[in-house]
Amino acid sequence: MIACRRLGLPKSAAKMLIVILNNKVHRIRTGHGLSAQTYQTDALRRILGTGQGSCASPSIWVAVLDPILWSIATKYTCFQIDTPSHDSIDRIGDSYVDDTS
């Protein structure tokens, strides 16, 4: 979790997060209830990310996206907004958890 360490997360907490993400067990919930079968990361099949609905997803998403947007912003300005007070705002785009444009 280099991205989390970059934002100041202690090394022990970053290691704990990796352990949690690598050992989580998934079940399917439908209108009929919770599945008896599970799936998880193993040597042949890596499940990446925090999963839909995880309360950790937004924070981890920001930690990963921040250096990407920072890298783009240091080299490019995609568009510029001039305000009524004659200030100029440089933008590289807008990002959302479900979509980046």
C-alpha atoms as a PDB file:
ATOM      1  CA  MET A   1       0.000   0.000   0.000  1.00  0.00           C
ATOM      2  CA  ILE A   2       2.566   2.510  -1.155  1.00  0.00           C
ATOM      3  CA  ALA A   3      -0.235   4.947  -1.934  1.00  0.00           C
ATOM      4  CA  CYS A   4      -1.474   4.864   1.675  1.00  0.00           C
ATOM      5  CA  ARG A   5       2.060   5.203   3.069  1.00  0.00           C
ATOM      6  CA  ARG A   6       2.561   8.273   0.833  1.00  0.00           C
ATOM      7  CA  LEU A   7      -0.399   9.901   2.593  1.00  0.00           C
ATOM      8  CA  GLY A   8       1.034   9.160   6.036  1.00  0.00           C
ATOM      9  CA  LEU A   9      -0.540   5.818   6.992  1.00  0.00           C
ATOM     10  CA  PRO A  10       1.805   4.066   9.453  1.00  0.00           C
ATOM     11  CA  LYS A  11       3.644   1.033   8.074  1.00  0.00           C
ATOM     12  CA  SER A  12       1.937  -1.328  10.543  1.00  0.00           C
ATOM     13  CA  ALA A  13      -1.509  -0.100   9.459  1.00  0.00           C
ATOM     14  CA  ALA A  14      -0.599  -0.466   5.766  1.00  0.00           C
ATOM     15  CA  LYS A  15       0.565  -4.044   6.394  1.00  0.00           C
ATOM     16  CA  MET A  16      -2.659  -4.785   8.286  1.00  0.00           C
ATOM     17  CA  LEU A  17      -4.695  -3.435   5.364  1.00  0.00           C
ATOM     18  CA  ILE A  18      -2.830  -5.733   2.941  1.00  0.00           C
ATOM     19  CA  VAL A  19      -3.471  -8.737   5.203  1.00  0.00           C
ATOM     20  CA  ILE A  20      -7.178  -7.881   5.383  1.00  0.00           C
ATOM     21  CA  LEU A  21      -7.513  -7.400   1.614  1.00  0.00           C
ATOM     22  CA  ASN A  22      -5.606 -10.613   0.840  1.00  0.00           C
ATOM     23  CA  ASN A  23      -7.584 -12.741   3.297  1.00  0.00           C
ATOM     24  CA  LYS A  24     -11.124 -11.473   2.891  1.00  0.00           C
ATOM     25  CA  VAL A  25     -13.819 -14.026   2.067  1.00  0.00           C
ATOM     26  CA  HIS A  26     -16.642 -13.124  -0.322  1.00  0.00           C
ATOM     27  CA  ARG A  27     -20.231 -14.354  -0.263  1.00  0.00           C
ATOM     28  CA  ILE A  28     -23.124 -13.522  -2.559  1.00  0.00           C
ATOM     29  CA  ARG A  29     -26.256 -11.974  -1.041  1.00  0.00           C
ATOM     30  CA  THR A  30     -29.501 -12.149  -3.007  1.00  0.00           C
ATOM     31  CA  GLY A  31     -33.175 -11.954  -2.202  1.00  0.00           C
ATOM     32  CA  HIS A  32     -32.909 -15.645  -1.285  1.00  0.00           C
ATOM     33  CA  GLY A  33     -30.299 -15.005   1.391  1.00  0.00           C
ATOM     34  CA  LEU A  34     -26.545 -15.345   1.813  1.00  0.00           C
ATOM     35  CA  SER A  35     -24.707 -17.931  -0.273  1.00  0.00           C
ATOM     36  CA  ALA A  36     -23.246 -20.987   1.405  1.00  0.00           C
ATOM     37  CA  GLN A  37     -20.314 -20.996  -1.029  1.00  0.00           C
ATOM     38  CA  THR A  38     -17.516 -18.451  -0.737  1.00  0.00           C
ATOM     39  CA  TYR A  39     -14.685 -17.230  -2.926  1.00  0.00           C
ATOM     40  CA  GLN A  40     -11.428 -15.481  -2.112  1.00  0.00           C
ATOM     41  CA  THR A  41      -7.978 -14.685  -3.431  1.00  0.00           C
ATOM     42  CA  ASP A  42      -5.707 -17.673  -3.942  1.00  0.00           C
ATOM     43  CA  ALA A  43      -2.474 -18.446  -5.800  1.00  0.00           C
ATOM     44  CA  LEU A  44      -4.276 -18.829  -9.139  1.00  0.00           C
ATOM     45  CA  ARG A  45      -6.955 -16.140  -8.849  1.00  0.00           C
ATOM     46  CA  ARG A  46      -6.221 -12.687  -7.468  1.00  0.00           C
ATOM     47  CA  ILE A  47      -9.184 -10.590  -6.355  1.00  0.00           C
ATOM     48  CA  LEU A  48      -8.039  -6.985  -6.327  1.00  0.00           C
ATOM     49  CA  GLY A  49      -9.556  -4.063  -4.510  1.00  0.00           C
ATOM     50  CA  THR A  50     -11.834  -3.640  -1.553  1.00  0.00           C
ATOM     51  CA  GLY A  51     -15.062  -4.813  -3.142  1.00  0.00           C
ATOM     52  CA  GLN A  52     -18.378  -3.135  -3.815  1.00  0.00           C
ATOM     53  CA  GLY A  53     -19.830  -1.436  -0.768  1.00  0.00           C
ATOM     54  CA  SER A  54     -16.726  -1.550   1.401  1.00  0.00           C
ATOM     55  CA  CYS A  55     -16.453   1.468   3.683  1.00  0.00           C
ATOM     56  CA  ALA A  56     -12.692   1.484   2.963  1.00  0.00           C
ATOM     57  CA  SER A  57     -13.186   1.860  -0.814  1.00  0.00           C
ATOM     58  CA  PRO A  58     -13.453   5.681  -1.025  1.00  0.00           C
ATOM     59  CA  SER A  59     -10.324   6.259   1.090  1.00  0.00           C
ATOM     60  CA  ILE A  60      -8.240   3.706  -0.776  1.00  0.00           C
ATOM     61  CA  TRP A  61      -9.520   5.022  -4.098  1.00  0.00           C
ATOM     62  CA  VAL A  62      -8.368   8.540  -3.152  1.00  0.00           C
ATOM     63  CA  ALA A  63      -4.986   7.210  -1.993  1.00  0.00           C
ATOM     64  CA  VAL A  64      -4.431   5.471  -5.335  1.00  0.00           C
ATOM     65  CA  LEU A  65      -5.887   8.216  -7.564  1.00  0.00           C
ATOM     66  CA  ASP A  66      -4.147  11.153  -5.860  1.00  0.00           C
ATOM     67  CA  PRO A  67      -0.625  10.454  -7.212  1.00  0.00           C
ATOM     68  CA  ILE A  68      -2.054   9.786 -10.675  1.00  0.00           C
ATOM     69  CA  LEU A  69      -3.874  13.134 -10.782  1.00  0.00           C
ATOM     70  CA  TRP A  70      -0.872  14.911  -9.241  1.00  0.00           C
ATOM     71  CA  SER A  71       1.390  13.478 -11.973  1.00  0.00           C
ATOM     72  CA  ILE A  72      -0.972  14.670 -14.691  1.00  0.00           C
ATOM     73  CA  ALA A  73      -1.369  18.101 -13.083  1.00  0.00           C
ATOM     74  CA  THR A  74       2.396  18.698 -12.986  1.00  0.00           C
ATOM     75  CA  LYS A  75       2.603  18.332 -16.775  1.00  0.00           C
ATOM     76  CA  TYR A  76      -0.773  19.286 -18.225  1.00  0.00           C
ATOM     77  CA  THR A  77      -3.693  21.655 -17.925  1.00  0.00           C
ATOM     78  CA  CYS A  78      -6.711  20.208 -19.663  1.00  0.00           C
ATOM     79  CA  PHE A  79      -8.811  23.346 -19.376  1.00  0.00           C
ATOM     80  CA  GLN A  80      -8.915  26.662 -17.602  1.00  0.00           C
ATOM     81  CA  ILE A  81     -11.870  28.403 -15.944  1.00  0.00           C
ATOM     82  CA  ASP A  82     -11.972  32.189 -15.656  1.00  0.00           C
ATOM     83  CA  THR A  83     -14.095  33.367 -12.742  1.00  0.00           C
ATOM     84  CA  PRO A  84     -16.179  36.555 -12.637  1.00  0.00           C
ATOM     85  CA  SER A  85     -13.560  37.989 -10.247  1.00  0.00           C
ATOM     86  CA  HIS A  86     -10.917  37.437 -12.966  1.00  0.00           C
ATOM     87  CA  ASP A  87      -9.234  34.552 -11.174  1.00  0.00           C
ATOM     88  CA  SER A  88      -8.065  31.664 -13.316  1.00  0.00           C
ATOM     89  CA  ILE A  89      -8.543  28.038 -12.240  1.00  0.00           C
ATOM     90  CA  ASP A  90      -6.598  25.271 -13.993  1.00  0.00           C
ATOM     91  CA  ARG A  91      -8.397  21.923 -14.173  1.00  0.00           C
ATOM     92  CA  ILE A  92      -7.276  18.518 -15.270  1.00  0.00           C
ATOM     93  CA  GLY A  93     -10.726  16.931 -15.081  1.00  0.00           C
ATOM     94  CA  ASP A  94     -13.191  15.526 -12.594  1.00  0.00           C
ATOM     95  CA  SER A  95     -13.068  12.111 -10.929  1.00  0.00           C
ATOM     96  CA  TYR A  96     -15.704  10.105  -9.163  1.00  0.00           C
ATOM     97  CA  VAL A  97     -15.478   6.763  -7.381  1.00  0.00           C
ATOM     98  CA  ASP A  98     -17.542   5.079 -10.109  1.00  0.00           C
ATOM     99  CA  ASP A  99     -16.118   6.977 -13.074  1.00  0.00           C
ATOM    100  CA  THR A 100     -13.178   9.127 -14.107  1.00  0.00           C
ATOM    101  CA  SER A 101     -13.468  11.492 -17.054  1.00  0.00           C
END
